Protein backbone atom coordinates (compact mmCIF):
# COMPACT_ATOMS: atom_id res chain seq x y z
CA MET A 1 -25.96 13.24 2.99
CA PHE A 2 -24.24 11.50 0.07
CA ASP A 3 -25.62 8.58 -1.90
CA GLN A 4 -24.45 5.61 0.17
CA SER A 5 -23.83 3.48 -2.92
CA SER A 6 -21.18 5.93 -4.16
CA VAL A 7 -19.28 6.04 -0.83
CA ILE A 8 -15.99 4.11 -0.52
CA VAL A 9 -14.00 3.83 2.71
CA GLY A 10 -10.35 2.87 3.11
CA LEU A 11 -9.12 1.72 6.53
CA GLU A 12 -5.47 1.45 7.52
CA ILE A 13 -4.72 -0.23 10.86
CA GLY A 14 -1.22 1.05 11.41
CA THR A 15 1.30 0.69 14.21
CA SER A 16 1.24 4.36 15.21
CA LYS A 17 -2.20 5.41 13.95
CA ILE A 18 -5.52 4.11 12.67
CA CYS A 19 -6.68 6.03 9.61
CA ALA A 20 -10.07 5.95 7.84
CA VAL A 21 -10.59 7.88 4.61
CA VAL A 22 -13.99 8.35 2.96
CA GLY A 23 -14.25 8.92 -0.78
CA GLU A 24 -17.14 9.52 -3.14
CA VAL A 25 -17.37 8.53 -6.81
CA ASN A 26 -19.44 11.05 -8.76
CA ASP A 27 -21.51 10.51 -11.92
CA ALA A 28 -18.44 11.19 -14.05
CA ALA A 29 -16.63 8.32 -12.23
CA ALA A 30 -14.18 10.79 -10.63
CA LEU A 31 -13.03 10.14 -7.08
CA ARG A 32 -13.17 12.82 -4.39
CA ILE A 33 -12.03 12.56 -0.77
CA ILE A 34 -14.78 13.86 1.55
CA GLY A 35 -13.74 12.72 5.03
CA VAL A 36 -10.79 11.61 7.15
CA GLY A 37 -10.69 10.14 10.64
CA GLN A 38 -7.69 9.04 12.66
CA SER A 39 -6.91 7.69 16.07
CA ARG A 40 -3.76 6.82 17.98
CA SER A 41 -3.02 3.11 17.59
CA ARG A 42 -2.47 1.21 20.84
CA GLY A 43 -3.01 -2.45 19.99
CA VAL A 44 -0.77 -2.88 16.95
CA ARG A 45 2.91 -3.85 16.69
CA LYS A 46 4.92 -4.16 13.49
CA GLY A 47 1.75 -3.76 11.44
CA GLU A 48 -0.19 -6.56 13.18
CA ILE A 49 -2.82 -6.56 15.92
CA VAL A 50 -1.56 -7.69 19.33
CA ASP A 51 -4.52 -6.45 21.42
CA ALA A 52 -7.86 -6.90 19.64
CA THR A 53 -9.87 -4.95 22.23
CA LEU A 54 -7.70 -1.84 22.07
CA ALA A 55 -7.44 -2.05 18.29
CA SER A 56 -11.24 -2.25 17.93
CA GLU A 57 -11.70 0.82 20.13
CA ASP A 58 -9.19 2.80 18.07
CA ILE A 59 -10.78 1.66 14.79
CA ARG A 60 -14.20 2.77 16.07
CA ASN A 61 -12.84 6.21 17.00
CA ALA A 62 -11.28 6.70 13.56
CA ILE A 63 -14.43 5.54 11.76
CA VAL A 64 -16.69 7.82 13.84
CA GLU A 65 -14.48 10.83 13.13
CA ALA A 66 -14.51 10.06 9.38
CA GLU A 67 -18.30 9.62 9.43
CA GLN A 68 -18.79 12.97 11.11
CA MET A 69 -16.53 14.82 8.67
CA ALA A 70 -18.06 13.18 5.57
CA ASP A 71 -21.64 13.15 6.93
CA VAL A 72 -22.12 9.51 5.95
CA GLU A 73 -22.72 6.19 7.69
CA VAL A 74 -19.83 3.79 7.12
CA ARG A 75 -21.05 0.25 6.49
CA SER A 76 -18.05 -1.39 4.84
CA VAL A 77 -14.35 -0.76 4.27
CA TYR A 78 -11.46 -1.72 2.03
CA LEU A 79 -8.88 -2.89 4.55
CA GLY A 80 -5.12 -2.49 4.30
CA VAL A 81 -3.07 -5.44 5.57
CA SER A 82 0.56 -5.52 6.61
CA GLY A 83 3.00 -7.57 8.69
CA GLY A 84 6.19 -9.56 8.41
CA HIS A 85 4.34 -12.68 7.19
CA LEU A 86 3.45 -11.08 3.82
CA ARG A 87 5.57 -12.06 0.83
CA GLY A 88 5.57 -11.20 -2.86
CA PHE A 89 7.07 -13.05 -5.84
CA ASN A 90 6.62 -13.46 -9.58
CA ASN A 91 5.12 -16.60 -11.11
CA ARG A 92 4.04 -17.93 -14.51
CA GLY A 93 0.91 -19.80 -15.58
CA VAL A 94 0.67 -21.87 -18.80
CA HIS A 95 -2.44 -23.08 -20.65
CA PRO A 96 -2.70 -24.98 -23.96
CA VAL A 97 -5.27 -23.58 -26.41
CA VAL A 98 -7.64 -26.46 -27.28
CA SER A 99 -10.15 -24.80 -29.62
CA ALA A 100 -10.22 -26.15 -33.18
CA ASP A 101 -9.37 -22.80 -34.78
CA ARG A 102 -6.65 -22.02 -32.17
CA GLU A 103 -8.24 -18.67 -31.36
CA ILE A 104 -7.50 -17.66 -27.77
CA SER A 105 -10.67 -16.98 -25.76
CA ASP A 106 -11.20 -15.19 -22.50
CA GLU A 107 -11.68 -18.61 -20.90
CA ASP A 108 -8.17 -19.62 -22.03
CA VAL A 109 -6.76 -16.47 -20.41
CA GLN A 110 -8.63 -17.15 -17.16
CA ASP A 111 -7.36 -20.75 -17.12
CA ALA A 112 -3.77 -19.52 -17.54
CA ILE A 113 -4.27 -17.14 -14.62
CA LYS A 114 -5.78 -19.97 -12.53
CA ASN A 115 -2.70 -22.07 -13.28
CA ALA A 116 -0.50 -19.17 -12.16
CA LYS A 117 -2.47 -19.08 -8.89
CA ALA A 118 -1.94 -22.80 -8.32
CA ILE A 119 1.27 -22.19 -6.40
CA ASN A 120 2.80 -24.63 -3.96
CA LEU A 121 2.32 -22.41 -0.89
CA PRO A 122 2.24 -23.58 2.74
CA ALA A 123 -1.24 -24.81 3.73
CA GLU A 124 -1.67 -21.99 6.25
CA ASN A 125 -1.04 -19.28 3.63
CA HIS A 126 -3.59 -17.30 1.65
CA VAL A 127 -3.12 -15.48 -1.67
CA VAL A 128 -3.97 -11.78 -1.25
CA HIS A 129 -3.21 -10.57 -4.80
CA VAL A 130 -2.51 -12.08 -8.20
CA ILE A 131 -1.49 -9.09 -10.33
CA ARG A 132 -1.24 -9.62 -14.09
CA GLN A 133 2.01 -8.46 -15.66
CA HIS A 134 2.03 -9.54 -19.30
CA PHE A 135 1.16 -12.46 -21.55
CA ARG A 136 3.15 -14.64 -23.94
CA VAL A 137 1.68 -16.53 -26.92
CA ASP A 138 3.77 -19.26 -28.56
CA GLY A 139 6.93 -17.58 -27.28
CA GLN A 140 5.95 -14.05 -28.35
CA ASP A 141 6.64 -11.70 -25.41
CA GLY A 142 5.02 -8.51 -24.13
CA ILE A 143 1.42 -9.18 -25.16
CA GLN A 144 -1.09 -7.07 -23.24
CA ASN A 145 -4.29 -8.91 -24.21
CA PRO A 146 -4.11 -12.23 -26.10
CA VAL A 147 -7.88 -12.66 -26.56
CA GLY A 148 -8.66 -13.08 -30.27
CA MET A 149 -5.09 -13.99 -31.23
CA LEU A 150 -4.16 -17.38 -32.70
CA GLY A 151 -1.85 -19.67 -30.77
CA ALA A 152 -1.25 -23.12 -29.36
CA LYS A 153 -0.12 -22.00 -25.91
CA VAL A 154 -0.84 -18.92 -23.81
CA GLU A 155 1.30 -17.99 -20.80
CA VAL A 156 0.81 -15.26 -18.21
CA ASP A 157 3.32 -13.71 -15.83
CA VAL A 158 1.85 -12.55 -12.52
CA HIS A 159 3.01 -11.03 -9.26
CA VAL A 160 1.65 -12.90 -6.24
CA VAL A 161 1.30 -11.46 -2.74
CA HIS A 162 0.46 -13.95 0.00
CA GLY A 163 0.44 -14.21 3.78
CA ASN A 164 -0.54 -16.30 6.77
CA PHE A 165 -4.32 -16.88 6.75
CA ASN A 166 -4.88 -16.54 10.51
CA ARG A 167 -2.78 -13.39 10.78
CA LEU A 168 -4.75 -11.89 7.89
CA GLN A 169 -7.99 -12.76 9.68
CA ASN A 170 -7.12 -10.81 12.84
CA PRO A 171 -7.67 -7.31 11.38
CA ILE A 172 -10.75 -8.56 9.50
CA ARG A 173 -12.27 -9.86 12.75
CA ALA A 174 -11.48 -6.57 14.51
CA VAL A 175 -13.41 -4.67 11.81
CA LYS A 176 -16.33 -7.11 11.77
CA SER A 177 -16.64 -6.85 15.57
CA LEU A 178 -17.83 -3.28 14.91
CA GLN A 179 -20.64 -4.54 12.61
CA LEU A 180 -18.73 -3.37 9.53
CA GLU A 181 -18.17 -5.44 6.41
CA VAL A 182 -14.77 -5.87 4.75
CA GLU A 183 -15.18 -5.45 0.98
CA ASP A 184 -11.65 -6.61 0.26
CA ILE A 185 -8.14 -6.68 1.73
CA VAL A 186 -5.21 -4.95 0.05
CA PHE A 187 -1.48 -5.06 0.78
CA SER A 188 -0.83 -1.61 2.27
CA GLY A 189 2.28 -1.03 0.16
CA LEU A 190 0.28 -1.57 -3.04
CA ALA A 191 -2.36 0.87 -1.81
CA SER A 192 0.30 3.55 -1.25
CA ALA A 193 1.70 3.02 -4.75
CA LEU A 194 -1.81 3.24 -6.19
CA ALA A 195 -2.37 6.59 -4.48
CA LEU A 196 0.96 8.16 -5.43
CA LEU A 197 2.04 6.92 -8.86
CA SER A 198 0.70 8.29 -12.12
CA ASN A 199 0.46 6.03 -15.17
CA GLU A 200 3.52 7.81 -16.59
CA GLN A 201 5.58 7.10 -13.46
CA LYS A 202 4.54 3.42 -13.54
CA GLU A 203 5.61 3.24 -17.18
CA LEU A 204 8.96 4.99 -16.61
CA GLY A 205 9.69 2.96 -13.47
CA ALA A 206 9.33 4.06 -9.86
CA LEU A 207 9.91 2.67 -6.39
CA VAL A 208 7.50 3.66 -3.61
CA ILE A 209 8.86 3.31 -0.05
CA ASP A 210 6.32 3.70 2.75
CA ILE A 211 8.05 4.18 6.12
CA GLY A 212 5.43 3.62 8.82
CA GLY A 213 5.64 3.27 12.57
CA GLY A 214 6.29 -0.47 12.68
CA THR A 215 6.95 -1.52 9.08
CA THR A 216 8.53 -0.27 5.87
CA GLU A 217 6.77 -1.43 2.72
CA TYR A 218 8.02 -1.00 -0.81
CA VAL A 219 6.57 -1.54 -4.28
CA LEU A 220 8.43 -1.26 -7.57
CA CYS A 221 6.60 -0.57 -10.83
CA ALA A 222 8.19 -0.52 -14.30
CA GLY A 223 6.78 -0.80 -17.78
CA GLY A 224 3.35 0.02 -16.33
CA ILE A 225 3.19 -3.09 -14.12
CA VAL A 226 4.08 -4.20 -10.59
CA LYS A 227 7.47 -5.92 -10.70
CA HIS A 228 8.38 -6.30 -7.03
CA THR A 229 6.85 -5.91 -3.57
CA GLY A 230 8.43 -6.28 -0.15
CA LEU A 231 8.17 -5.47 3.53
CA LEU A 232 10.61 -4.90 6.39
CA ALA A 233 9.34 -5.20 9.97
CA VAL A 234 11.24 -2.00 10.84
CA GLY A 235 9.88 1.54 11.01
CA GLY A 236 9.77 4.82 12.89
CA ASP A 237 9.22 3.13 16.25
CA HIS A 238 12.59 1.43 15.90
CA LEU A 239 14.23 4.82 15.47
CA SER A 240 12.71 5.86 18.80
CA ASN A 241 13.90 2.63 20.46
CA ASP A 242 17.42 3.17 19.10
CA LEU A 243 17.45 6.71 20.48
CA ALA A 244 16.13 5.62 23.86
CA TYR A 245 18.88 3.02 24.13
CA GLY A 246 21.70 5.11 22.64
CA LEU A 247 20.91 8.32 24.52
CA LYS A 248 19.81 6.56 27.73
CA VAL A 249 16.45 8.35 27.89
CA PRO A 250 12.85 7.09 28.33
CA LEU A 251 11.07 6.03 25.15
CA SER A 252 8.62 8.93 25.35
CA ARG A 253 11.53 11.40 25.51
CA ALA A 254 13.25 9.63 22.61
CA GLU A 255 10.11 10.06 20.49
CA GLN A 256 9.99 13.74 21.40
CA LEU A 257 13.68 14.23 20.52
CA LYS A 258 13.18 12.44 17.20
CA ILE A 259 10.35 14.79 16.23
CA GLU A 260 11.95 18.03 17.45
CA PHE A 261 15.64 17.54 16.58
CA GLY A 262 15.83 14.43 14.40
CA SER A 263 17.39 14.23 10.94
CA ALA A 264 18.41 11.50 8.52
CA LEU A 265 21.88 13.02 8.13
CA ALA A 266 24.48 13.87 10.78
CA ASP A 267 25.96 17.21 9.76
CA PRO A 268 29.66 17.50 10.85
CA SER A 269 28.94 21.11 11.84
CA LEU A 270 26.90 19.76 14.77
CA LYS A 271 30.02 18.44 16.52
CA GLY A 272 29.92 19.43 20.17
CA ARG A 273 26.39 20.88 20.00
CA THR A 274 23.86 19.75 22.62
CA VAL A 275 20.19 20.21 23.48
CA ASN A 276 18.98 20.30 27.05
CA LEU A 277 16.38 17.79 28.15
CA THR A 278 13.72 19.10 30.49
CA ASN A 279 11.74 17.14 33.04
CA SER A 280 7.96 17.21 33.54
CA HIS A 281 8.30 20.39 35.62
CA GLY A 282 10.13 22.26 32.86
CA LEU A 283 13.47 22.14 34.66
CA ALA A 284 16.62 21.22 32.73
CA GLU A 285 17.84 17.68 33.40
CA ARG A 286 20.94 17.05 31.29
CA PRO A 287 22.34 17.82 27.83
CA VAL A 288 21.97 15.46 24.86
CA ASN A 289 24.59 15.41 22.10
CA LEU A 290 22.81 16.47 18.89
CA GLU A 291 25.40 14.89 16.57
CA HIS A 292 25.04 11.57 18.42
CA LEU A 293 21.24 11.74 18.15
CA ARG A 294 21.29 12.29 14.41
CA ARG A 295 23.99 9.72 13.77
CA ILE A 296 21.86 7.05 15.48
CA MET A 297 18.90 7.96 13.26
CA SER A 298 21.03 8.13 10.12
CA LEU A 299 22.52 4.67 10.64
CA ARG A 300 19.12 3.04 11.16
CA LEU A 301 17.54 4.76 8.13
CA GLU A 302 20.55 3.98 5.98
CA GLU A 303 20.23 0.33 6.99
CA ILE A 304 16.54 0.30 5.94
CA PHE A 305 17.37 1.72 2.50
CA GLN A 306 20.33 -0.61 2.04
CA LEU A 307 18.19 -3.67 2.86
CA ILE A 308 15.68 -2.62 0.21
CA ALA A 309 18.47 -2.01 -2.32
CA GLN A 310 19.98 -5.44 -1.55
CA GLU A 311 16.58 -7.12 -1.99
CA ILE A 312 15.82 -5.49 -5.35
CA GLY A 313 19.39 -5.18 -6.65
CA PRO A 314 19.95 -8.73 -8.02
CA SER A 315 16.92 -8.38 -10.32
CA GLY A 316 18.49 -5.36 -12.04
CA LEU A 317 15.24 -3.42 -11.65
CA LEU A 318 16.91 -0.47 -9.90
CA ASP A 319 18.52 0.41 -13.25
CA HIS A 320 15.07 0.94 -14.79
CA LEU A 321 13.67 3.51 -12.33
CA ARG A 322 13.58 6.54 -14.62
CA ALA A 323 10.93 8.19 -12.41
CA GLY A 324 13.08 7.64 -9.31
CA ILE A 325 11.94 6.90 -5.78
CA VAL A 326 8.85 8.19 -3.96
CA LEU A 327 8.73 8.35 -0.15
CA CYS A 328 5.58 8.31 1.98
CA GLY A 329 4.41 7.34 5.46
CA GLY A 330 5.26 9.22 8.64
CA GLY A 331 8.96 8.55 8.08
CA ALA A 332 8.88 10.69 4.94
CA ARG A 333 8.64 13.74 7.23
CA ILE A 334 12.11 13.17 8.74
CA ALA A 335 14.43 16.03 7.79
CA GLU A 336 17.03 15.25 5.09
CA ILE A 337 15.59 11.77 4.44
CA GLN A 338 15.38 12.41 0.70
CA LYS A 339 19.09 13.26 0.58
CA LEU A 340 19.98 10.07 2.47
CA ALA A 341 17.87 7.94 0.11
CA GLU A 342 19.52 9.61 -2.89
CA GLN A 343 22.96 8.73 -1.48
CA VAL A 344 22.03 5.07 -0.97
CA PHE A 345 20.15 4.45 -4.24
CA ALA A 346 21.97 7.00 -6.47
CA LEU A 347 18.54 7.95 -7.83
CA PRO A 348 16.31 11.04 -7.60
CA VAL A 349 13.97 10.92 -4.58
CA SER A 350 10.77 12.92 -4.06
CA PRO A 351 7.99 13.12 -1.44
CA GLY A 352 4.76 11.32 -2.36
CA LYS A 353 1.87 13.36 -3.78
CA THR A 354 -1.52 11.78 -4.43
CA SER A 355 -2.46 11.73 -8.12
CA SER A 356 -5.78 12.00 -10.00
CA ILE A 357 -7.81 12.54 -6.81
CA SER A 358 -9.62 15.66 -5.64
CA GLY A 359 -11.11 16.66 -2.30
CA LEU A 360 -9.66 17.49 1.10
CA LYS A 361 -6.34 19.19 0.42
CA SER A 362 -5.30 18.70 4.04
CA ALA A 363 -5.46 14.92 3.57
CA LEU A 364 -4.15 14.65 0.02
CA ASP A 365 -0.88 16.41 0.88
CA GLN A 366 -0.08 14.32 3.97
CA PRO A 367 2.38 11.44 3.39
CA GLU A 368 0.81 9.53 6.32
CA PHE A 369 -2.53 9.25 4.48
CA ALA A 370 -1.18 7.67 1.27
CA THR A 371 -2.18 4.10 2.20
CA ALA A 372 -5.76 4.91 3.23
CA ILE A 373 -6.27 7.11 0.15
CA GLY A 374 -4.91 4.30 -2.03
CA LEU A 375 -7.40 1.89 -0.44
CA VAL A 376 -10.23 4.23 -1.46
CA LYS A 377 -8.80 4.40 -4.99
CA PHE A 378 -8.60 0.59 -5.12
CA GLY A 379 -12.24 0.48 -4.00
CA SER A 380 -13.27 2.91 -6.73
CA TYR A 381 -11.74 0.58 -9.35
CA GLN A 382 -13.66 -2.37 -7.91
CA VAL A 383 -16.92 -0.39 -8.03
CA LYS A 384 -16.27 0.52 -11.68
CA LYS A 385 -15.60 -3.14 -12.53
CA ARG A 386 -18.84 -4.27 -10.87
CA THR A 387 -20.79 -1.54 -12.64
CA ALA A 388 -19.28 -2.54 -15.99
CA ARG A 389 -20.10 -6.22 -15.37
CA ARG A 390 -23.69 -5.34 -14.47
CA GLY A 391 -23.95 -3.24 -17.62
CA LEU A 392 -22.53 -6.07 -19.73
CA GLY A 393 -24.88 -8.54 -18.05
CA GLY A 394 -27.84 -6.29 -18.83
CA LEU A 395 -26.71 -5.97 -22.46
CA ARG A 396 -26.38 -9.75 -22.79
CA SER A 397 -29.85 -10.16 -21.32
CA LYS A 398 -31.32 -7.72 -23.83
CA VAL A 399 -29.55 -9.48 -26.71
CA SER A 400 -30.89 -12.84 -25.51
CA GLN A 401 -34.42 -11.43 -25.31
CA LEU A 402 -34.08 -10.02 -28.82
CA LEU A 403 -32.86 -13.36 -30.20
CA ARG A 404 -35.74 -15.23 -28.52
CA ALA A 405 -38.19 -12.75 -30.00
CA VAL A 406 -36.74 -13.24 -33.48
CA LYS A 407 -36.97 -17.03 -33.15
CA ASN A 408 -40.59 -16.86 -32.05
CA GLN A 409 -41.64 -14.80 -35.08
């Protein structure tokens, strides 16, 4: 059994699957994946729970499988959240420096961040993330840490992710119904980016696109910081629906055709080629036009990429993606999808590979596990922060004791 205090669990409640990943932080503060559990998702649509009972059962199954593989007892999780209600935008907070010597303190920085959080959001919305980008002191741009500098005014640019409070509570309640605690919630797209992007890629500029069953999430990093986040309530399930409608076949058959014969590009050489559908008894039913099948998929995937390009395009950020585009999620497995993305964005595209994490190779190389692995990585950062704060608190206590002892002499 592992030391329970070093165990971190990421839980993704997806549209097509529930995934739990268990990680362990060793004495050297390195993260290692030690267990994975997954279950078919039956109570989720477009990234949000629509049947709490079914979702809870599927979550339990995934957690139990992860516990058995890792040989640990899961008590709490870092939970990925998704859904069409989530929004991201950039905001600025301003704070005047009031100290006599005009030296900027940590309190001044925190006040500027608080002012950036004080956004005029709808009453029913809740802020999920406030991600620091960079600071500005008396008009000087690009400052990483203003503490200790002199100035009359400190400003901070942040990226804010927010969503509907009640809709965020639904997955939390489903987890708590299993007597598990939720350590924190994380936008699933950010978790995927955290798992896949190295510091160099974040600095050069990269766009992570996570194509799931019911949603497509995307996060753009440049200059080492998060510049843009977004979500489309469209995913792999919509491809299956399109095929079912266009080919006039049951949804289950459409899903099967997508997996066996699907591609993101319709090759002209396929003209006139067909595949024979078989019924439950193995007997041929009727032919399906292969070119038609792939053209349906290509049009839907092209639309997804074009919507993302249209959303990010006006900001000019696509011109700064020197590390290109990274694809993950189940949709990243579709044949020729990298080529299609390259055609739409005119940028290099690569499959997502987890960075700076060791452990189960079978999990680390799967694009479907990027979000859950990123949640574990997020959790490891939180654990390090708490440990550092406790260490600093202990140091302050010792200094205070020493000062009291000196005074009493």
